[in-house]
Amino acid sequence: GRRDVLTAQDLGVEPTTLNRDPASLRHIIVSGGDNRLVHVWLGTDGRLTKVEIPSRRLVVERAPAS
């Protein structure tokens, strides 16, 4: 199989939006591979809350708790 070298960079807590509301989330950037750049956002509990893949014009967000 194919292997790619990826680099992860933790940018700490940064402002963003989550479900159209302002949020401060831990921002990690993963670069390399086919997607080139992936933004991963984690909540204060460490749970994955948002993923952005600009090269695919894709944003995925955790649904708000109901």
N, C-alpha and C. Protein backbone atom coordinates (compact mmCIF):
# COMPACT_ATOMS: atom_id res chain seq x y z
N GLY A 1 0.81 -1.19 0.00
CA GLY A 1 0.00 0.00 0.00
C GLY A 1 0.86 1.25 0.00
N ARG A 2 0.21 2.33 -0.27
CA ARG A 2 0.86 3.63 -0.34
C ARG A 2 0.99 4.25 1.05
N ARG A 3 2.09 4.91 1.29
CA ARG A 3 2.30 5.63 2.55
C ARG A 3 2.67 7.07 2.25
N ASP A 4 2.14 7.96 3.05
CA ASP A 4 2.45 9.38 2.94
C ASP A 4 3.02 9.87 4.26
N VAL A 5 3.86 10.86 4.18
CA VAL A 5 4.38 11.51 5.38
C VAL A 5 3.43 12.66 5.71
N LEU A 6 2.91 12.66 6.93
CA LEU A 6 2.01 13.71 7.38
C LEU A 6 2.67 14.46 8.53
N THR A 7 2.36 15.74 8.64
CA THR A 7 2.87 16.57 9.72
C THR A 7 1.68 17.14 10.47
N ALA A 8 1.70 17.03 11.80
CA ALA A 8 0.64 17.61 12.63
C ALA A 8 1.22 18.77 13.43
N GLN A 9 0.46 19.86 13.48
CA GLN A 9 0.89 21.04 14.23
C GLN A 9 -0.26 21.49 15.13
N ASP A 10 -0.02 21.56 16.42
CA ASP A 10 -1.02 22.00 17.39
C ASP A 10 -0.92 23.51 17.55
N LEU A 11 -1.95 24.23 17.16
CA LEU A 11 -1.95 25.69 17.23
C LEU A 11 -2.60 26.20 18.52
N GLY A 12 -3.01 25.29 19.38
CA GLY A 12 -3.65 25.70 20.64
C GLY A 12 -5.10 26.10 20.42
N VAL A 13 -5.67 26.77 21.40
CA VAL A 13 -7.07 27.19 21.33
C VAL A 13 -7.17 28.44 20.46
N GLU A 14 -8.08 28.38 19.48
CA GLU A 14 -8.27 29.50 18.55
C GLU A 14 -9.77 29.70 18.31
N PRO A 15 -10.15 30.92 17.90
CA PRO A 15 -11.55 31.17 17.59
C PRO A 15 -11.95 30.55 16.25
N THR A 16 -13.18 30.05 16.18
CA THR A 16 -13.75 29.51 14.96
C THR A 16 -15.27 29.58 15.12
N THR A 17 -15.99 28.90 14.27
CA THR A 17 -17.43 28.76 14.44
C THR A 17 -17.77 27.28 14.51
N LEU A 18 -18.84 26.98 15.23
CA LEU A 18 -19.34 25.62 15.32
C LEU A 18 -20.85 25.70 15.24
N ASN A 19 -21.42 25.12 14.19
CA ASN A 19 -22.87 25.22 13.95
C ASN A 19 -23.31 26.68 13.90
N ARG A 20 -22.51 27.49 13.23
CA ARG A 20 -22.74 28.92 12.99
C ARG A 20 -22.58 29.80 14.22
N ASP A 21 -22.20 29.23 15.34
CA ASP A 21 -21.99 30.00 16.57
C ASP A 21 -20.49 30.17 16.83
N PRO A 22 -20.08 31.31 17.42
CA PRO A 22 -18.67 31.48 17.76
C PRO A 22 -18.23 30.41 18.77
N ALA A 23 -17.01 29.93 18.61
CA ALA A 23 -16.47 28.90 19.52
C ALA A 23 -14.96 29.07 19.62
N SER A 24 -14.42 28.68 20.76
CA SER A 24 -12.97 28.61 20.96
C SER A 24 -12.61 27.14 21.10
N LEU A 25 -11.91 26.60 20.12
CA LEU A 25 -11.59 25.18 20.07
C LEU A 25 -10.10 24.97 19.85
N ARG A 26 -9.60 23.82 20.28
CA ARG A 26 -8.20 23.47 20.02
C ARG A 26 -8.05 23.16 18.54
N HIS A 27 -7.09 23.81 17.89
CA HIS A 27 -6.91 23.74 16.44
C HIS A 27 -5.64 22.96 16.12
N ILE A 28 -5.79 21.89 15.37
CA ILE A 28 -4.66 21.09 14.92
C ILE A 28 -4.68 21.05 13.41
N ILE A 29 -3.54 21.31 12.79
CA ILE A 29 -3.42 21.25 11.33
C ILE A 29 -2.61 20.01 10.97
N VAL A 30 -3.16 19.22 10.05
CA VAL A 30 -2.45 18.05 9.52
C VAL A 30 -2.16 18.35 8.06
N SER A 31 -0.88 18.29 7.65
CA SER A 31 -0.52 18.59 6.27
C SER A 31 0.21 17.41 5.65
N GLY A 32 0.08 17.32 4.31
CA GLY A 32 0.69 16.24 3.55
C GLY A 32 -0.38 15.34 2.97
N GLY A 33 0.02 14.40 2.15
CA GLY A 33 -0.93 13.46 1.55
C GLY A 33 -1.78 14.11 0.48
N ASP A 34 -2.79 13.39 0.02
CA ASP A 34 -3.65 13.86 -1.06
C ASP A 34 -4.44 15.11 -0.70
N ASN A 35 -4.87 15.23 0.55
CA ASN A 35 -5.69 16.38 0.96
C ASN A 35 -4.87 17.63 1.23
N ARG A 36 -3.55 17.51 1.27
CA ARG A 36 -2.61 18.60 1.48
C ARG A 36 -2.73 19.28 2.83
N LEU A 37 -3.94 19.65 3.23
CA LEU A 37 -4.13 20.38 4.48
C LEU A 37 -5.49 20.01 5.08
N VAL A 38 -5.48 19.61 6.34
CA VAL A 38 -6.72 19.29 7.06
C VAL A 38 -6.70 20.02 8.39
N HIS A 39 -7.79 20.74 8.68
CA HIS A 39 -7.94 21.43 9.96
C HIS A 39 -8.81 20.55 10.85
N VAL A 40 -8.30 20.21 12.04
CA VAL A 40 -9.03 19.40 13.00
C VAL A 40 -9.27 20.27 14.23
N TRP A 41 -10.51 20.30 14.70
CA TRP A 41 -10.87 21.12 15.85
C TRP A 41 -11.40 20.22 16.96
N LEU A 42 -10.88 20.41 18.18
CA LEU A 42 -11.27 19.59 19.33
C LEU A 42 -11.91 20.47 20.40
N GLY A 43 -12.93 19.92 21.07
CA GLY A 43 -13.56 20.61 22.18
C GLY A 43 -12.71 20.53 23.43
N THR A 44 -13.15 21.20 24.49
CA THR A 44 -12.39 21.20 25.75
C THR A 44 -12.30 19.81 26.35
N ASP A 45 -13.24 18.93 25.99
CA ASP A 45 -13.21 17.54 26.48
C ASP A 45 -12.35 16.63 25.62
N GLY A 46 -11.72 17.21 24.57
CA GLY A 46 -10.87 16.42 23.68
C GLY A 46 -11.61 15.73 22.56
N ARG A 47 -12.92 15.89 22.51
CA ARG A 47 -13.71 15.25 21.45
C ARG A 47 -13.60 16.01 20.13
N LEU A 48 -13.57 15.28 19.06
CA LEU A 48 -13.54 15.87 17.73
C LEU A 48 -14.85 16.62 17.49
N THR A 49 -14.76 17.91 17.14
CA THR A 49 -15.97 18.70 16.93
C THR A 49 -16.12 19.20 15.50
N LYS A 50 -14.99 19.34 14.79
CA LYS A 50 -15.07 19.92 13.44
C LYS A 50 -13.85 19.50 12.64
N VAL A 51 -14.06 19.22 11.35
CA VAL A 51 -12.97 18.91 10.42
C VAL A 51 -13.20 19.73 9.16
N GLU A 52 -12.14 20.38 8.69
CA GLU A 52 -12.20 21.15 7.45
C GLU A 52 -11.12 20.63 6.50
N ILE A 53 -11.53 20.34 5.25
CA ILE A 53 -10.58 19.94 4.20
C ILE A 53 -10.76 20.93 3.05
N PRO A 54 -9.98 22.02 3.06
CA PRO A 54 -10.17 23.07 2.05
C PRO A 54 -10.05 22.58 0.60
N SER A 55 -9.14 21.66 0.32
CA SER A 55 -8.94 21.20 -1.06
C SER A 55 -10.17 20.49 -1.61
N ARG A 56 -11.02 20.00 -0.73
CA ARG A 56 -12.27 19.33 -1.14
C ARG A 56 -13.50 20.18 -0.84
N ARG A 57 -13.26 21.40 -0.37
CA ARG A 57 -14.35 22.31 0.02
C ARG A 57 -15.33 21.61 0.97
N LEU A 58 -14.77 20.92 1.96
CA LEU A 58 -15.55 20.11 2.89
C LEU A 58 -15.39 20.61 4.32
N VAL A 59 -16.52 20.80 5.00
CA VAL A 59 -16.54 21.11 6.42
C VAL A 59 -17.54 20.17 7.08
N VAL A 60 -17.10 19.46 8.11
CA VAL A 60 -17.96 18.54 8.85
C VAL A 60 -17.95 18.98 10.31
N GLU A 61 -19.14 19.15 10.88
CA GLU A 61 -19.25 19.60 12.27
C GLU A 61 -20.13 18.65 13.07
N ARG A 62 -19.77 18.46 14.33
CA ARG A 62 -20.59 17.65 15.24
C ARG A 62 -21.92 18.38 15.44
N ALA A 63 -23.01 17.64 15.38
CA ALA A 63 -24.34 18.23 15.59
C ALA A 63 -24.47 18.71 17.03
N PRO A 64 -25.20 19.81 17.24
CA PRO A 64 -25.38 20.29 18.60
C PRO A 64 -26.15 19.27 19.44
N ALA A 65 -25.84 19.24 20.74
CA ALA A 65 -26.57 18.34 21.64
C ALA A 65 -28.02 18.79 21.73
N SER A 66 -28.91 17.81 21.72
CA SER A 66 -30.34 18.18 21.77
C SER A 66 -30.96 17.83 23.09
